[in-house]
Amino acid sequence: MICMTALTITAQTKTTPKVEVIYFHGKQRCATCMAIERSTRELLEHDFSKQMKDGTVTFRTVDISTAAGEQTARKYHITWSALFVNSWKKDREIRNDMTRFAFKNARNNTKEFKQGIKNKVKELIK
């Protein structure tokens, strides 16, 4: 079962992707943190390559130890590593915090991790 929290936020721009995957990290990164980024990138590039090319799905990493990253982290109420899979509907961002799921599975249960993220992205693309 995937644990997540959804939060709706008003969009600031109309040029946003339908699904945006954001991985937040600090300057120091543990093996699990690196596995989250690596496995997420692999999944998206393999299973959603067409959608990434056309901009329907995007992936970005945010280093929260930088000034720009810190500002973005504040917007998401992030204080350390986190993974969000967000959708945009009618110019509104719907946030899905996948952090717990990611830390539970990315390093030691990669297959489950990738399947969970894949399912969430597929659900949000609709």
N, C-alpha and C. Protein backbone atom coordinates (compact mmCIF):
# COMPACT_ATOMS: atom_id res chain seq x y z
N MET A 1 0.83 -1.17 0.00
CA MET A 1 0.00 0.00 0.00
C MET A 1 0.88 1.24 0.00
N ILE A 2 0.50 2.24 -0.74
CA ILE A 2 1.27 3.46 -0.87
C ILE A 2 0.71 4.50 0.10
N CYS A 3 1.60 5.07 0.90
CA CYS A 3 1.21 6.11 1.85
C CYS A 3 1.49 7.47 1.21
N MET A 4 0.49 8.34 1.18
CA MET A 4 0.71 9.65 0.58
C MET A 4 -0.26 10.65 1.16
N THR A 5 0.09 11.89 1.05
CA THR A 5 -0.76 12.98 1.47
C THR A 5 -0.97 13.88 0.28
N ALA A 6 -2.20 14.22 -0.04
CA ALA A 6 -2.48 15.10 -1.16
C ALA A 6 -2.84 16.48 -0.63
N LEU A 7 -2.34 17.49 -1.31
CA LEU A 7 -2.60 18.87 -0.93
C LEU A 7 -2.79 19.66 -2.21
N THR A 8 -3.85 20.44 -2.30
CA THR A 8 -4.12 21.22 -3.49
C THR A 8 -3.61 22.64 -3.29
N ILE A 9 -2.87 23.13 -4.27
CA ILE A 9 -2.29 24.45 -4.21
C ILE A 9 -2.65 25.19 -5.51
N THR A 10 -2.90 26.49 -5.43
CA THR A 10 -3.18 27.27 -6.61
C THR A 10 -1.92 27.42 -7.45
N ALA A 11 -2.05 27.21 -8.74
CA ALA A 11 -0.90 27.29 -9.66
C ALA A 11 -0.52 28.74 -9.90
N GLN A 12 0.76 28.93 -10.19
CA GLN A 12 1.24 30.26 -10.49
C GLN A 12 1.49 30.45 -11.98
N THR A 13 1.48 29.38 -12.74
CA THR A 13 1.75 29.48 -14.17
C THR A 13 0.91 28.46 -14.92
N LYS A 14 0.62 28.76 -16.18
CA LYS A 14 -0.17 27.84 -16.99
C LYS A 14 0.71 26.95 -17.86
N THR A 15 2.02 27.11 -17.81
CA THR A 15 2.93 26.31 -18.61
C THR A 15 3.53 25.19 -17.78
N THR A 16 2.70 24.50 -17.04
CA THR A 16 3.17 23.44 -16.15
C THR A 16 2.86 22.07 -16.75
N PRO A 17 3.64 21.07 -16.39
CA PRO A 17 3.40 19.71 -16.88
C PRO A 17 2.15 19.13 -16.24
N LYS A 18 1.66 18.07 -16.80
CA LYS A 18 0.51 17.39 -16.22
C LYS A 18 0.93 16.65 -14.95
N VAL A 19 2.12 16.03 -14.97
CA VAL A 19 2.67 15.35 -13.80
C VAL A 19 4.10 15.83 -13.59
N GLU A 20 4.39 16.25 -12.37
CA GLU A 20 5.73 16.72 -12.04
C GLU A 20 6.26 15.91 -10.86
N VAL A 21 7.38 15.25 -11.06
CA VAL A 21 8.03 14.48 -10.01
C VAL A 21 9.20 15.31 -9.51
N ILE A 22 9.22 15.56 -8.21
CA ILE A 22 10.26 16.40 -7.63
C ILE A 22 10.96 15.62 -6.51
N TYR A 23 12.28 15.54 -6.62
CA TYR A 23 13.07 14.91 -5.57
C TYR A 23 13.90 15.99 -4.89
N PHE A 24 13.69 16.17 -3.60
CA PHE A 24 14.42 17.15 -2.79
C PHE A 24 15.54 16.43 -2.05
N HIS A 25 16.71 17.06 -2.00
CA HIS A 25 17.83 16.47 -1.26
C HIS A 25 18.72 17.57 -0.72
N GLY A 26 19.51 17.22 0.27
CA GLY A 26 20.47 18.14 0.84
C GLY A 26 21.85 17.91 0.25
N LYS A 27 22.82 18.62 0.76
CA LYS A 27 24.19 18.49 0.27
C LYS A 27 24.75 17.11 0.60
N GLN A 28 24.53 16.64 1.83
CA GLN A 28 24.96 15.30 2.24
C GLN A 28 23.84 14.33 1.92
N ARG A 29 24.19 13.23 1.23
CA ARG A 29 23.15 12.28 0.82
C ARG A 29 23.54 10.86 1.21
N CYS A 30 22.59 10.15 1.81
CA CYS A 30 22.81 8.76 2.20
C CYS A 30 22.54 7.83 1.01
N ALA A 31 22.82 6.55 1.19
CA ALA A 31 22.61 5.57 0.12
C ALA A 31 21.14 5.50 -0.29
N THR A 32 20.24 5.61 0.66
CA THR A 32 18.81 5.57 0.34
C THR A 32 18.40 6.79 -0.47
N CYS A 33 18.90 7.95 -0.10
CA CYS A 33 18.61 9.18 -0.84
C CYS A 33 19.05 9.06 -2.30
N MET A 34 20.24 8.54 -2.49
CA MET A 34 20.75 8.38 -3.86
C MET A 34 19.94 7.33 -4.62
N ALA A 35 19.49 6.28 -3.93
CA ALA A 35 18.67 5.24 -4.57
C ALA A 35 17.32 5.80 -5.00
N ILE A 36 16.75 6.69 -4.21
CA ILE A 36 15.47 7.31 -4.58
C ILE A 36 15.62 8.06 -5.89
N GLU A 37 16.64 8.91 -5.98
CA GLU A 37 16.83 9.68 -7.20
C GLU A 37 17.13 8.76 -8.39
N ARG A 38 18.05 7.85 -8.22
CA ARG A 38 18.45 6.96 -9.31
C ARG A 38 17.27 6.12 -9.82
N SER A 39 16.56 5.50 -8.93
CA SER A 39 15.45 4.63 -9.34
C SER A 39 14.29 5.41 -9.94
N THR A 40 14.03 6.59 -9.42
CA THR A 40 12.98 7.44 -9.99
C THR A 40 13.34 7.85 -11.41
N ARG A 41 14.58 8.30 -11.59
CA ARG A 41 15.03 8.72 -12.91
C ARG A 41 14.97 7.54 -13.90
N GLU A 42 15.46 6.38 -13.48
CA GLU A 42 15.44 5.19 -14.35
C GLU A 42 14.01 4.84 -14.77
N LEU A 43 13.11 4.84 -13.81
CA LEU A 43 11.71 4.51 -14.10
C LEU A 43 11.11 5.49 -15.10
N LEU A 44 11.26 6.78 -14.83
CA LEU A 44 10.65 7.78 -15.69
C LEU A 44 11.24 7.76 -17.09
N GLU A 45 12.56 7.63 -17.19
CA GLU A 45 13.20 7.61 -18.51
C GLU A 45 12.85 6.36 -19.30
N HIS A 46 12.61 5.25 -18.61
CA HIS A 46 12.28 4.00 -19.29
C HIS A 46 10.79 3.89 -19.60
N ASP A 47 9.95 4.07 -18.59
CA ASP A 47 8.52 3.82 -18.76
C ASP A 47 7.72 5.03 -19.24
N PHE A 48 8.27 6.21 -19.09
CA PHE A 48 7.54 7.42 -19.48
C PHE A 48 8.38 8.31 -20.39
N SER A 49 9.23 7.70 -21.20
CA SER A 49 10.11 8.49 -22.06
C SER A 49 9.34 9.38 -23.03
N LYS A 50 8.27 8.86 -23.61
CA LYS A 50 7.46 9.65 -24.54
C LYS A 50 6.85 10.86 -23.83
N GLN A 51 6.29 10.61 -22.65
CA GLN A 51 5.67 11.69 -21.89
C GLN A 51 6.69 12.71 -21.39
N MET A 52 7.91 12.26 -21.11
CA MET A 52 8.95 13.20 -20.71
C MET A 52 9.38 14.05 -21.89
N LYS A 53 9.44 13.45 -23.06
CA LYS A 53 9.82 14.22 -24.26
C LYS A 53 8.79 15.27 -24.60
N ASP A 54 7.50 14.93 -24.45
CA ASP A 54 6.47 15.91 -24.81
C ASP A 54 6.09 16.84 -23.66
N GLY A 55 6.73 16.65 -22.49
CA GLY A 55 6.51 17.55 -21.36
C GLY A 55 5.32 17.20 -20.49
N THR A 56 4.63 16.10 -20.78
CA THR A 56 3.51 15.68 -19.95
C THR A 56 3.99 15.28 -18.56
N VAL A 57 5.17 14.66 -18.50
CA VAL A 57 5.78 14.26 -17.24
C VAL A 57 7.15 14.93 -17.15
N THR A 58 7.45 15.52 -16.00
CA THR A 58 8.77 16.10 -15.80
C THR A 58 9.36 15.56 -14.51
N PHE A 59 10.68 15.58 -14.44
CA PHE A 59 11.41 15.17 -13.24
C PHE A 59 12.44 16.23 -12.95
N ARG A 60 12.47 16.67 -11.72
CA ARG A 60 13.51 17.62 -11.32
C ARG A 60 14.00 17.30 -9.93
N THR A 61 15.26 17.61 -9.70
CA THR A 61 15.83 17.48 -8.38
C THR A 61 16.06 18.87 -7.83
N VAL A 62 15.90 19.00 -6.54
CA VAL A 62 16.07 20.29 -5.87
C VAL A 62 17.04 20.08 -4.72
N ASP A 63 18.17 20.76 -4.80
CA ASP A 63 19.16 20.72 -3.73
C ASP A 63 18.78 21.80 -2.72
N ILE A 64 18.26 21.38 -1.58
CA ILE A 64 17.74 22.33 -0.60
C ILE A 64 18.85 23.05 0.16
N SER A 65 20.11 22.72 -0.11
CA SER A 65 21.21 23.43 0.54
C SER A 65 21.61 24.68 -0.23
N THR A 66 21.01 24.90 -1.40
CA THR A 66 21.27 26.11 -2.19
C THR A 66 20.18 27.14 -1.89
N ALA A 67 20.44 28.39 -2.22
CA ALA A 67 19.46 29.46 -1.97
C ALA A 67 18.16 29.20 -2.73
N ALA A 68 18.27 28.85 -4.01
CA ALA A 68 17.06 28.58 -4.81
C ALA A 68 16.34 27.34 -4.30
N GLY A 69 17.10 26.32 -3.97
CA GLY A 69 16.50 25.09 -3.45
C GLY A 69 15.82 25.30 -2.11
N GLU A 70 16.42 26.13 -1.27
CA GLU A 70 15.84 26.43 0.03
C GLU A 70 14.50 27.14 -0.12
N GLN A 71 14.43 28.02 -1.09
CA GLN A 71 13.18 28.75 -1.34
C GLN A 71 12.09 27.77 -1.81
N THR A 72 12.43 26.87 -2.70
CA THR A 72 11.46 25.87 -3.17
C THR A 72 11.06 24.95 -2.03
N ALA A 73 12.01 24.55 -1.21
CA ALA A 73 11.73 23.66 -0.07
C ALA A 73 10.74 24.31 0.89
N ARG A 74 10.89 25.60 1.11
CA ARG A 74 9.95 26.31 2.00
C ARG A 74 8.53 26.23 1.44
N LYS A 75 8.41 26.38 0.15
CA LYS A 75 7.10 26.32 -0.51
C LYS A 75 6.43 24.96 -0.26
N TYR A 76 7.23 23.91 -0.21
CA TYR A 76 6.72 22.56 0.00
C TYR A 76 6.81 22.10 1.46
N HIS A 77 7.29 22.96 2.34
CA HIS A 77 7.47 22.64 3.75
C HIS A 77 8.42 21.44 3.92
N ILE A 78 9.53 21.48 3.18
CA ILE A 78 10.51 20.41 3.19
C ILE A 78 11.71 20.85 4.03
N THR A 79 12.18 19.96 4.89
CA THR A 79 13.38 20.26 5.67
C THR A 79 14.51 19.29 5.36
N TRP A 80 14.21 18.22 4.63
CA TRP A 80 15.24 17.27 4.24
C TRP A 80 14.78 16.52 3.00
N SER A 81 15.36 15.40 2.70
CA SER A 81 15.03 14.65 1.49
C SER A 81 13.54 14.32 1.44
N ALA A 82 12.98 14.45 0.24
CA ALA A 82 11.56 14.17 0.04
C ALA A 82 11.31 13.87 -1.43
N LEU A 83 10.24 13.14 -1.69
CA LEU A 83 9.82 12.83 -3.05
C LEU A 83 8.35 13.16 -3.19
N PHE A 84 8.04 14.01 -4.16
CA PHE A 84 6.66 14.37 -4.47
C PHE A 84 6.34 13.97 -5.90
N VAL A 85 5.13 13.46 -6.10
CA VAL A 85 4.62 13.17 -7.43
C VAL A 85 3.33 13.99 -7.52
N ASN A 86 3.39 15.09 -8.25
CA ASN A 86 2.30 16.06 -8.26
C ASN A 86 1.60 16.10 -9.61
N SER A 87 0.33 16.43 -9.56
CA SER A 87 -0.41 16.59 -10.81
C SER A 87 -0.91 18.02 -10.90
N TRP A 88 -1.19 18.42 -12.12
CA TRP A 88 -1.74 19.75 -12.38
C TRP A 88 -3.06 19.55 -13.10
N LYS A 89 -4.12 20.03 -12.49
CA LYS A 89 -5.46 19.95 -13.07
C LYS A 89 -6.09 21.32 -12.98
N LYS A 90 -6.56 21.82 -14.11
CA LYS A 90 -7.22 23.13 -14.15
C LYS A 90 -6.41 24.18 -13.41
N ASP A 91 -5.11 24.23 -13.71
CA ASP A 91 -4.20 25.23 -13.15
C ASP A 91 -4.05 25.14 -11.63
N ARG A 92 -4.28 23.94 -11.08
CA ARG A 92 -4.09 23.72 -9.65
C ARG A 92 -3.15 22.54 -9.45
N GLU A 93 -2.21 22.73 -8.54
CA GLU A 93 -1.26 21.68 -8.21
C GLU A 93 -1.85 20.79 -7.11
N ILE A 94 -1.81 19.50 -7.34
CA ILE A 94 -2.23 18.53 -6.33
C ILE A 94 -0.98 17.77 -5.93
N ARG A 95 -0.55 17.96 -4.70
CA ARG A 95 0.70 17.38 -4.21
C ARG A 95 0.47 16.01 -3.60
N ASN A 96 1.36 15.09 -3.94
CA ASN A 96 1.35 13.75 -3.38
C ASN A 96 2.72 13.47 -2.80
N ASP A 97 2.79 13.47 -1.49
CA ASP A 97 4.04 13.25 -0.78
C ASP A 97 4.31 11.75 -0.72
N MET A 98 5.31 11.31 -1.47
CA MET A 98 5.65 9.88 -1.56
C MET A 98 6.91 9.57 -0.74
N THR A 99 7.29 10.45 0.17
CA THR A 99 8.54 10.33 0.89
C THR A 99 8.63 9.05 1.73
N ARG A 100 7.64 8.80 2.54
CA ARG A 100 7.68 7.59 3.37
C ARG A 100 7.79 6.33 2.52
N PHE A 101 6.97 6.27 1.49
CA PHE A 101 7.00 5.13 0.58
C PHE A 101 8.39 4.99 -0.04
N ALA A 102 8.97 6.11 -0.46
CA ALA A 102 10.28 6.09 -1.10
C ALA A 102 11.36 5.58 -0.14
N PHE A 103 11.39 6.11 1.07
CA PHE A 103 12.41 5.67 2.02
C PHE A 103 12.22 4.22 2.45
N LYS A 104 11.01 3.76 2.45
CA LYS A 104 10.74 2.37 2.82
C LYS A 104 11.21 1.39 1.75
N ASN A 105 11.13 1.79 0.47
CA ASN A 105 11.32 0.83 -0.62
C ASN A 105 12.48 1.07 -1.59
N ALA A 106 12.92 2.29 -1.77
CA ALA A 106 13.85 2.60 -2.86
C ALA A 106 15.15 1.81 -2.82
N ARG A 107 15.68 1.60 -1.66
CA ARG A 107 16.99 0.95 -1.56
C ARG A 107 16.91 -0.58 -1.49
N ASN A 108 15.98 -1.10 -0.72
CA ASN A 108 15.94 -2.54 -0.49
C ASN A 108 14.80 -3.27 -1.20
N ASN A 109 13.90 -2.53 -1.79
CA ASN A 109 12.78 -3.13 -2.51
C ASN A 109 12.50 -2.29 -3.76
N THR A 110 13.50 -2.22 -4.62
CA THR A 110 13.46 -1.35 -5.79
C THR A 110 12.28 -1.67 -6.70
N LYS A 111 11.97 -2.94 -6.86
CA LYS A 111 10.86 -3.33 -7.73
C LYS A 111 9.55 -2.74 -7.20
N GLU A 112 9.30 -2.86 -5.91
CA GLU A 112 8.09 -2.30 -5.29
C GLU A 112 8.09 -0.77 -5.41
N PHE A 113 9.24 -0.16 -5.20
CA PHE A 113 9.36 1.29 -5.31
C PHE A 113 8.98 1.76 -6.71
N LYS A 114 9.61 1.17 -7.71
CA LYS A 114 9.33 1.59 -9.09
C LYS A 114 7.87 1.36 -9.47
N GLN A 115 7.31 0.24 -9.04
CA GLN A 115 5.92 -0.05 -9.35
C GLN A 115 4.98 0.97 -8.69
N GLY A 116 5.26 1.33 -7.46
CA GLY A 116 4.43 2.32 -6.77
C GLY A 116 4.48 3.68 -7.43
N ILE A 117 5.67 4.11 -7.80
CA ILE A 117 5.80 5.41 -8.47
C ILE A 117 5.15 5.35 -9.85
N LYS A 118 5.36 4.26 -10.56
CA LYS A 118 4.74 4.07 -11.88
C LYS A 118 3.22 4.15 -11.77
N ASN A 119 2.65 3.46 -10.81
CA ASN A 119 1.20 3.47 -10.62
C ASN A 119 0.69 4.88 -10.34
N LYS A 120 1.40 5.62 -9.51
CA LYS A 120 0.98 6.98 -9.16
C LYS A 120 1.05 7.89 -10.39
N VAL A 121 2.13 7.81 -11.16
CA VAL A 121 2.25 8.64 -12.36
C VAL A 121 1.14 8.29 -13.36
N LYS A 122 0.90 7.00 -13.58
CA LYS A 122 -0.16 6.58 -14.51
C LYS A 122 -1.52 7.10 -14.05
N GLU A 123 -1.78 7.03 -12.76
CA GLU A 123 -3.04 7.53 -12.21
C GLU A 123 -3.19 9.02 -12.48
N LEU A 124 -2.13 9.77 -12.33
CA LEU A 124 -2.19 11.22 -12.46
C LEU A 124 -2.20 11.70 -13.91
N ILE A 125 -1.68 10.90 -14.82
CA ILE A 125 -1.67 11.28 -16.23
C ILE A 125 -3.09 11.31 -16.80
N LYS A 126 -3.95 10.47 -16.28
CA LYS A 126 -5.33 10.36 -16.80
C LYS A 126 -6.07 11.67 -16.75
